Amino acid sequence: MEKLFWKDPYLTETKCKITEQKGDIIKLDRTIIFPFSGGQQSDSGTIEGFEVLEARKEDKEIFYRIQENHGLKAGDYVVVKIDWQKRYRLMRLHFAAELVLELVYQNFGKPQKIGANINEDKARVDFFWKGNISETFPLIMKEINSMVNKNLEIISSFSDEENEIRYWEIEGFAKVPCGGTHLKRTGEIGTIKLKRNNLGKDKERIEIYLCDS
């Protein structure tokens, strides 16, 4: 399966061929619909006009569950579309979270990350942390705002194509393993705000919001 969401994460529509069909489960020869992975929410989209109800990743394959009584079968060519507004919000929040995590690692002793999630409303990163993690916010916001204003290039590629291991890189800042969908430049993140959430003893959460919501 060719994963076009890596090759061009800005592609919103394409024509694909159904390679397998069992009931309401569809598999395609290539796809632009990103499945839930690494804490990043699945894309929303349609296959030949039928809503994708679930996008499930199994090893290197992706299976889509669509509405019943669709009438589609293996061998059919279909138009696949994604909800671009949702995808773009996810990409912006995802990369903002990546920068937050990397800045925490680089400046505050690489604390243990215990969770992360990105949906279209907000992103979050959770840590084992003694104290109030909001004390990191002035430095984090200063650095992120600087990178946004500089509109730096974000490189995204394979470190191991056979095993589908990918990374993102900002030259001079960091190179980080990550298999999500990435922006082209840091300026696309826009203005963000951070919020602290205490999860209990020595557990802290940083929540990330887009200010143009």
C-alpha atoms as a PDB file:
ATOM      1  CA  MET A   1       0.000   0.000   0.000  1.00  0.00           C
ATOM      2  CA  GLU A   2       1.418   3.353  -1.054  1.00  0.00           C
ATOM      3  CA  LYS A   3       0.980   5.906   1.734  1.00  0.00           C
ATOM      4  CA  LEU A   4       0.476   9.192  -0.041  1.00  0.00           C
ATOM      5  CA  PHE A   5      -0.106  11.024   3.249  1.00  0.00           C
ATOM      6  CA  TRP A   6       3.667  10.811   3.749  1.00  0.00           C
ATOM      7  CA  LYS A   7       4.639  11.658   0.191  1.00  0.00           C
ATOM      8  CA  ASP A   8       2.325  14.685   0.090  1.00  0.00           C
ATOM      9  CA  PRO A   9       0.414  15.425   3.332  1.00  0.00           C
ATOM     10  CA  TYR A  10      -1.287  18.358   1.568  1.00  0.00           C
ATOM     11  CA  LEU A  11      -3.044  16.093  -0.946  1.00  0.00           C
ATOM     12  CA  THR A  12      -6.786  16.136  -0.257  1.00  0.00           C
ATOM     13  CA  GLU A  13      -8.182  13.904  -3.019  1.00  0.00           C
ATOM     14  CA  THR A  14      -6.918  11.023  -5.127  1.00  0.00           C
ATOM     15  CA  LYS A  15      -8.088   8.029  -7.144  1.00  0.00           C
ATOM     16  CA  CYS A  16      -7.292   4.571  -5.737  1.00  0.00           C
ATOM     17  CA  LYS A  17      -8.033   0.938  -6.454  1.00  0.00           C
ATOM     18  CA  ILE A  18      -9.731  -1.387  -3.985  1.00  0.00           C
ATOM     19  CA  THR A  19      -7.473  -4.401  -3.478  1.00  0.00           C
ATOM     20  CA  GLU A  20      -9.568  -6.173  -0.827  1.00  0.00           C
ATOM     21  CA  GLN A  21     -13.181  -5.932   0.305  1.00  0.00           C
ATOM     22  CA  LYS A  22     -14.836  -7.965   3.043  1.00  0.00           C
ATOM     23  CA  GLY A  23     -18.191  -6.622   4.107  1.00  0.00           C
ATOM     24  CA  ASP A  24     -17.692  -3.044   5.243  1.00  0.00           C
ATOM     25  CA  ILE A  25     -13.875  -3.374   5.396  1.00  0.00           C
ATOM     26  CA  ILE A  26     -11.912  -1.902   2.484  1.00  0.00           C
ATOM     27  CA  LYS A  27      -8.209  -2.028   1.610  1.00  0.00           C
ATOM     28  CA  LEU A  28      -6.711   0.221  -1.066  1.00  0.00           C
ATOM     29  CA  ASP A  29      -3.613   0.100  -3.267  1.00  0.00           C
ATOM     30  CA  ARG A  30      -2.708   3.598  -2.034  1.00  0.00           C
ATOM     31  CA  THR A  31      -4.217   6.058   0.385  1.00  0.00           C
ATOM     32  CA  ILE A  32      -4.289   9.617   1.707  1.00  0.00           C
ATOM     33  CA  ILE A  33      -6.328   8.812   4.858  1.00  0.00           C
ATOM     34  CA  PHE A  34      -3.983   8.690   7.859  1.00  0.00           C
ATOM     35  CA  PRO A  35      -4.989   6.099  10.511  1.00  0.00           C
ATOM     36  CA  PHE A  36      -4.692   6.596  14.265  1.00  0.00           C
ATOM     37  CA  SER A  37      -1.008   6.221  15.044  1.00  0.00           C
ATOM     38  CA  GLY A  38       1.487   7.568  17.559  1.00  0.00           C
ATOM     39  CA  GLY A  39      -1.237   9.411  19.426  1.00  0.00           C
ATOM     40  CA  GLN A  40      -2.383  11.308  16.309  1.00  0.00           C
ATOM     41  CA  GLN A  41      -6.104  11.070  15.597  1.00  0.00           C
ATOM     42  CA  SER A  42      -7.238   9.457  12.352  1.00  0.00           C
ATOM     43  CA  ASP A  43      -8.227  11.605   9.417  1.00  0.00           C
ATOM     44  CA  SER A  44     -11.874  11.901   8.503  1.00  0.00           C
ATOM     45  CA  GLY A  45     -12.745  11.201   4.888  1.00  0.00           C
ATOM     46  CA  THR A  46     -14.754   9.331   2.294  1.00  0.00           C
ATOM     47  CA  ILE A  47     -14.190   6.490  -0.151  1.00  0.00           C
ATOM     48  CA  GLU A  48     -16.332   6.981  -3.268  1.00  0.00           C
ATOM     49  CA  GLY A  49     -18.620   9.184  -1.159  1.00  0.00           C
ATOM     50  CA  PHE A  50     -19.010   6.679   1.681  1.00  0.00           C
ATOM     51  CA  GLU A  51     -17.881   7.925   5.081  1.00  0.00           C
ATOM     52  CA  VAL A  52     -14.843   6.238   6.608  1.00  0.00           C
ATOM     53  CA  LEU A  53     -15.991   5.152  10.062  1.00  0.00           C
ATOM     54  CA  GLU A  54     -12.659   3.690  11.174  1.00  0.00           C
ATOM     55  CA  ALA A  55      -9.083   3.647   9.886  1.00  0.00           C
ATOM     56  CA  ARG A  56      -7.144   0.761  11.419  1.00  0.00           C
ATOM     57  CA  LYS A  57      -3.406   0.151  11.044  1.00  0.00           C
ATOM     58  CA  GLU A  58      -2.127  -3.436  11.160  1.00  0.00           C
ATOM     59  CA  ASP A  59       1.622  -3.723  10.688  1.00  0.00           C
ATOM     60  CA  LYS A  60       2.233  -1.956   7.333  1.00  0.00           C
ATOM     61  CA  GLU A  61      -1.362  -2.303   6.124  1.00  0.00           C
ATOM     62  CA  ILE A  62      -4.334  -0.001   6.673  1.00  0.00           C
ATOM     63  CA  PHE A  63      -7.949  -1.133   6.675  1.00  0.00           C
ATOM     64  CA  TYR A  64     -10.927   1.178   6.384  1.00  0.00           C
ATOM     65  CA  ARG A  65     -14.417   0.487   7.670  1.00  0.00           C
ATOM     66  CA  ILE A  66     -17.085   2.315   5.682  1.00  0.00           C
ATOM     67  CA  GLN A  67     -20.864   2.450   5.692  1.00  0.00           C
ATOM     68  CA  GLU A  68     -22.671  -0.807   4.991  1.00  0.00           C
ATOM     69  CA  ASN A  69     -24.482  -1.510   1.721  1.00  0.00           C
ATOM     70  CA  HIS A  70     -21.820   0.406  -0.186  1.00  0.00           C
ATOM     71  CA  GLY A  71     -21.787  -1.893  -3.240  1.00  0.00           C
ATOM     72  CA  LEU A  72     -18.027  -1.558  -3.710  1.00  0.00           C
ATOM     73  CA  LYS A  73     -15.807  -4.537  -4.522  1.00  0.00           C
ATOM     74  CA  ALA A  74     -12.174  -5.460  -5.101  1.00  0.00           C
ATOM     75  CA  GLY A  75     -10.949  -4.115  -8.428  1.00  0.00           C
ATOM     76  CA  ASP A  76     -13.107  -0.983  -8.335  1.00  0.00           C
ATOM     77  CA  TYR A  77     -11.458   2.400  -8.795  1.00  0.00           C
ATOM     78  CA  VAL A  78     -12.668   4.908  -6.240  1.00  0.00           C
ATOM     79  CA  VAL A  79     -12.189   8.567  -5.339  1.00  0.00           C
ATOM     80  CA  VAL A  80     -10.787   9.068  -1.846  1.00  0.00           C
ATOM     81  CA  LYS A  81     -11.104  12.424  -0.073  1.00  0.00           C
ATOM     82  CA  ILE A  82     -10.071  13.749   3.322  1.00  0.00           C
ATOM     83  CA  ASP A  83     -11.465  16.485   5.531  1.00  0.00           C
ATOM     84  CA  TRP A  84      -8.679  18.992   4.871  1.00  0.00           C
ATOM     85  CA  GLN A  85      -9.641  21.411   7.635  1.00  0.00           C
ATOM     86  CA  LYS A  86      -9.307  18.621  10.210  1.00  0.00           C
ATOM     87  CA  ARG A  87      -6.063  17.280   8.661  1.00  0.00           C
ATOM     88  CA  TYR A  88      -4.422  20.695   8.679  1.00  0.00           C
ATOM     89  CA  ARG A  89      -5.392  21.372  12.298  1.00  0.00           C
ATOM     90  CA  LEU A  90      -3.985  17.974  13.258  1.00  0.00           C
ATOM     91  CA  MET A  91      -0.720  18.713  11.432  1.00  0.00           C
ATOM     92  CA  ARG A  92      -0.367  22.104  13.121  1.00  0.00           C
ATOM     93  CA  LEU A  93      -1.141  20.776  16.599  1.00  0.00           C
ATOM     94  CA  HIS A  94       1.016  17.712  16.041  1.00  0.00           C
ATOM     95  CA  PHE A  95       4.065  19.718  15.121  1.00  0.00           C
ATOM     96  CA  ALA A  96       3.493  22.200  17.930  1.00  0.00           C
ATOM     97  CA  ALA A  97       3.483  19.214  20.303  1.00  0.00           C
ATOM     98  CA  GLU A  98       6.663  17.874  18.710  1.00  0.00           C
ATOM     99  CA  LEU A  99       8.393  21.204  19.360  1.00  0.00           C
ATOM    100  CA  VAL A 100       7.131  21.375  22.947  1.00  0.00           C
ATOM    101  CA  LEU A 101       8.420  17.858  23.633  1.00  0.00           C
ATOM    102  CA  GLU A 102      11.806  18.489  22.050  1.00  0.00           C
ATOM    103  CA  LEU A 103      12.262  21.788  23.907  1.00  0.00           C
ATOM    104  CA  VAL A 104      11.433  20.113  27.216  1.00  0.00           C
ATOM    105  CA  TYR A 105      13.964  17.392  26.424  1.00  0.00           C
ATOM    106  CA  GLN A 106      16.672  19.826  25.387  1.00  0.00           C
ATOM    107  CA  ASN A 107      16.282  22.228  28.290  1.00  0.00           C
ATOM    108  CA  PHE A 108      14.891  20.356  31.286  1.00  0.00           C
ATOM    109  CA  GLY A 109      16.812  17.117  31.673  1.00  0.00           C
ATOM    110  CA  LYS A 110      14.790  14.852  29.349  1.00  0.00           C
ATOM    111  CA  PRO A 111      12.005  13.833  31.766  1.00  0.00           C
ATOM    112  CA  GLN A 112      10.056  10.644  31.030  1.00  0.00           C
ATOM    113  CA  LYS A 113       7.156  11.137  28.651  1.00  0.00           C
ATOM    114  CA  ILE A 114       4.183   9.052  29.802  1.00  0.00           C
ATOM    115  CA  GLY A 115       1.575   9.931  27.194  1.00  0.00           C
ATOM    116  CA  ALA A 116       0.601  12.058  24.228  1.00  0.00           C
ATOM    117  CA  ASN A 117      -2.450  12.692  22.093  1.00  0.00           C
ATOM    118  CA  ILE A 118      -3.337  14.933  19.175  1.00  0.00           C
ATOM    119  CA  ASN A 119      -6.926  15.626  18.148  1.00  0.00           C
ATOM    120  CA  GLU A 120      -8.446  18.510  16.243  1.00  0.00           C
ATOM    121  CA  ASP A 121      -9.221  20.507  19.412  1.00  0.00           C
ATOM    122  CA  LYS A 122      -5.892  20.292  21.219  1.00  0.00           C
ATOM    123  CA  ALA A 123      -2.672  18.344  21.668  1.00  0.00           C
ATOM    124  CA  ARG A 124      -1.205  17.142  24.938  1.00  0.00           C
ATOM    125  CA  VAL A 125       2.067  15.724  26.219  1.00  0.00           C
ATOM    126  CA  ASP A 126       2.314  14.082  29.663  1.00  0.00           C
ATOM    127  CA  PHE A 127       5.428  13.709  31.825  1.00  0.00           C
ATOM    128  CA  PHE A 128       6.667  12.371  35.105  1.00  0.00           C
ATOM    129  CA  TRP A 129       7.596  15.732  36.619  1.00  0.00           C
ATOM    130  CA  LYS A 130       8.313  17.039  40.099  1.00  0.00           C
ATOM    131  CA  GLY A 131       6.826  20.479  40.572  1.00  0.00           C
ATOM    132  CA  ASN A 132       4.776  22.751  38.332  1.00  0.00           C
ATOM    133  CA  ILE A 133       5.548  22.220  34.645  1.00  0.00           C
ATOM    134  CA  SER A 134       4.149  25.642  33.728  1.00  0.00           C
ATOM    135  CA  GLU A 135       7.481  27.054  34.927  1.00  0.00           C
ATOM    136  CA  THR A 136       8.850  25.843  31.582  1.00  0.00           C
ATOM    137  CA  PHE A 137       6.302  27.795  29.544  1.00  0.00           C
ATOM    138  CA  PRO A 138       8.156  31.137  29.158  1.00  0.00           C
ATOM    139  CA  LEU A 139      11.169  29.447  27.564  1.00  0.00           C
ATOM    140  CA  ILE A 140       9.060  27.073  25.451  1.00  0.00           C
ATOM    141  CA  MET A 141       6.859  29.874  24.125  1.00  0.00           C
ATOM    142  CA  LYS A 142       9.848  32.115  23.391  1.00  0.00           C
ATOM    143  CA  GLU A 143      11.565  29.384  21.368  1.00  0.00           C
ATOM    144  CA  ILE A 144       8.436  28.264  19.498  1.00  0.00           C
ATOM    145  CA  ASN A 145       7.452  31.834  18.630  1.00  0.00           C
ATOM    146  CA  SER A 146      10.970  32.412  17.334  1.00  0.00           C
ATOM    147  CA  MET A 147      10.790  29.314  15.111  1.00  0.00           C
ATOM    148  CA  VAL A 148       7.329  30.270  13.868  1.00  0.00           C
ATOM    149  CA  ASN A 149       8.520  33.789  13.010  1.00  0.00           C
ATOM    150  CA  LYS A 150      11.590  32.436  11.191  1.00  0.00           C
ATOM    151  CA  ASN A 151       9.342  30.074   9.177  1.00  0.00           C
ATOM    152  CA  LEU A 152      11.980  27.341   9.158  1.00  0.00           C
ATOM    153  CA  GLU A 153      11.900  24.420   6.741  1.00  0.00           C
ATOM    154  CA  ILE A 154      10.708  21.096   8.177  1.00  0.00           C
ATOM    155  CA  ILE A 155      12.289  18.092   6.485  1.00  0.00           C
ATOM    156  CA  SER A 156      10.297  14.853   6.676  1.00  0.00           C
ATOM    157  CA  SER A 157      11.576  11.588   5.230  1.00  0.00           C
ATOM    158  CA  PHE A 158      12.454   7.929   5.798  1.00  0.00           C
ATOM    159  CA  SER A 159      15.393   6.823   7.913  1.00  0.00           C
ATOM    160  CA  ASP A 160      14.467   3.212   7.017  1.00  0.00           C
ATOM    161  CA  GLU A 161      12.055   3.015   4.084  1.00  0.00           C
ATOM    162  CA  GLU A 162      11.700  -0.789   4.116  1.00  0.00           C
ATOM    163  CA  ASN A 163      10.472  -0.737   7.718  1.00  0.00           C
ATOM    164  CA  GLU A 164       8.592   2.575   7.274  1.00  0.00           C
ATOM    165  CA  ILE A 165      10.583   4.397   9.938  1.00  0.00           C
ATOM    166  CA  ARG A 166      10.391   8.145   9.426  1.00  0.00           C
ATOM    167  CA  TYR A 167      11.679  11.327  10.991  1.00  0.00           C
ATOM    168  CA  TRP A 168      11.300  15.082  10.947  1.00  0.00           C
ATOM    169  CA  GLU A 169      14.215  17.501  11.058  1.00  0.00           C
ATOM    170  CA  ILE A 170      14.789  21.212  11.496  1.00  0.00           C
ATOM    171  CA  GLU A 171      18.384  21.919  10.598  1.00  0.00           C
ATOM    172  CA  GLY A 172      20.353  23.111  13.598  1.00  0.00           C
ATOM    173  CA  PHE A 173      17.553  22.261  16.049  1.00  0.00           C
ATOM    174  CA  ALA A 174      16.692  18.550  16.062  1.00  0.00           C
ATOM    175  CA  LYS A 175      16.173  15.346  14.096  1.00  0.00           C
ATOM    176  CA  VAL A 176      13.402  13.243  15.639  1.00  0.00           C
ATOM    177  CA  PRO A 177      11.855   9.852  14.745  1.00  0.00           C
ATOM    178  CA  CYS A 178       8.164  10.324  13.939  1.00  0.00           C
ATOM    179  CA  GLY A 179       5.682   8.719  11.557  1.00  0.00           C
ATOM    180  CA  GLY A 180       3.007  11.404  11.559  1.00  0.00           C
ATOM    181  CA  THR A 181       1.951  13.906   8.898  1.00  0.00           C
ATOM    182  CA  HIS A 182       4.142  17.009   9.002  1.00  0.00           C
ATOM    183  CA  LEU A 183       4.010  20.625   7.925  1.00  0.00           C
ATOM    184  CA  LYS A 184       6.454  22.028   5.396  1.00  0.00           C
ATOM    185  CA  ARG A 185       7.459  25.059   7.470  1.00  0.00           C
ATOM    186  CA  THR A 186       7.248  26.160  11.108  1.00  0.00           C
ATOM    187  CA  GLY A 187       5.364  29.350  10.239  1.00  0.00           C
ATOM    188  CA  GLU A 188       2.279  27.280   9.478  1.00  0.00           C
ATOM    189  CA  ILE A 189       1.842  26.463  13.177  1.00  0.00           C
ATOM    190  CA  GLY A 190       0.688  29.992  13.886  1.00  0.00           C
ATOM    191  CA  THR A 191       0.131  31.287  17.410  1.00  0.00           C
ATOM    192  CA  ILE A 192      -0.389  28.724  20.162  1.00  0.00           C
ATOM    193  CA  LYS A 193      -1.116  28.803  23.872  1.00  0.00           C
ATOM    194  CA  LEU A 194      -0.086  26.328  26.571  1.00  0.00           C
ATOM    195  CA  LYS A 195      -2.027  25.167  29.599  1.00  0.00           C
ATOM    196  CA  ARG A 196      -0.849  23.131  32.574  1.00  0.00           C
ATOM    197  CA  ASN A 197      -2.891  20.219  33.939  1.00  0.00           C
ATOM    198  CA  ASN A 198      -1.803  18.352  37.062  1.00  0.00           C
ATOM    199  CA  LEU A 199      -2.590  14.631  36.753  1.00  0.00           C
ATOM    200  CA  GLY A 200      -1.646  13.624  40.288  1.00  0.00           C
ATOM    201  CA  LYS A 201       1.558  12.974  42.185  1.00  0.00           C
ATOM    202  CA  ASP A 202       4.566  13.801  39.982  1.00  0.00           C
ATOM    203  CA  LYS A 203       2.488  13.677  36.795  1.00  0.00           C
ATOM    204  CA  GLU A 204       2.090  16.835  34.718  1.00  0.00           C
ATOM    205  CA  ARG A 205       0.413  17.560  31.391  1.00  0.00           C
ATOM    206  CA  ILE A 206       1.096  20.301  28.860  1.00  0.00           C
ATOM    207  CA  GLU A 207      -1.978  21.061  26.740  1.00  0.00           C
ATOM    208  CA  ILE A 208      -1.476  22.894  23.439  1.00  0.00           C
ATOM    209  CA  TYR A 209      -4.131  24.977  21.674  1.00  0.00           C
ATOM    210  CA  LEU A 210      -4.244  26.932  18.417  1.00  0.00           C
ATOM    211  CA  CYS A 211      -5.127  30.557  19.055  1.00  0.00           C
ATOM    212  CA  ASP A 212      -7.102  30.913  15.798  1.00  0.00           C
ATOM    213  CA  SER A 213      -9.679  28.323  16.895  1.00  0.00           C
END
